[in-house]
Amino acid sequence: MSRRNAALVLSRDHAIRFAANERRAGRRIVFTNGVFDLLHRGHVDYLSRARAEGDVLIVGLNADRSVRRLKGPDRPILPAGERAEILAALSPVDAVVVFDEDTPAELIAALTPDVLVKGTDWPADGIVGREVVEARGGVVMRVALTPGRSTTGVIDRVLRSRPDPSGWS
């Protein structure tokens, strides 16, 4: 597959058609998901490793409401539209689709990726979508995360660097 200048930010329906078209063309579809708030080197490393598992990488991105339910009222830092555009600009990413549910289970079932990738921070038996992917002959991969790199860590460092964080507007 020749690489486009930027990935596509797709609706769920378009992402399903995109995956089906890529599969018909003989490409191996890889899926991963996450919040991807305040992108850092750990995210880029992770996405590069995920992309290496196949020909096309589709990233499921938690919508803002989903992030607030999962991480609390102060997250996400960046809205979903911005996070999606930033992800789409990264070379390992071929498509981004935003989902509002707390887990990507429905999206994974609809996309039926050949490879499902999650970080080693997830236990193998706790990876959402595992059963769907493996039932159709796909594989689930766990990739090591970059040590010392996390969005929460970045936020904590920024807040600690301010003498009085309450003075922020």
Foldseek 3Di string as FASTA:
>chain_A
DDFDQWAAEDELVVLLVVLVVCVVVVWAEEEEEDACAPPDPQVLVQLVVRLVVIPAYEYEHEAFQLCCVVPNDCDDPDGPVVSQRVVRNRRSHRYYYYDHDNACQVSCLSSLGQEYEEEPVAPPVRHRNQCSNVVVPHYYYYHYTDPPDDPVSVVVVVCVVDPDNVPDD
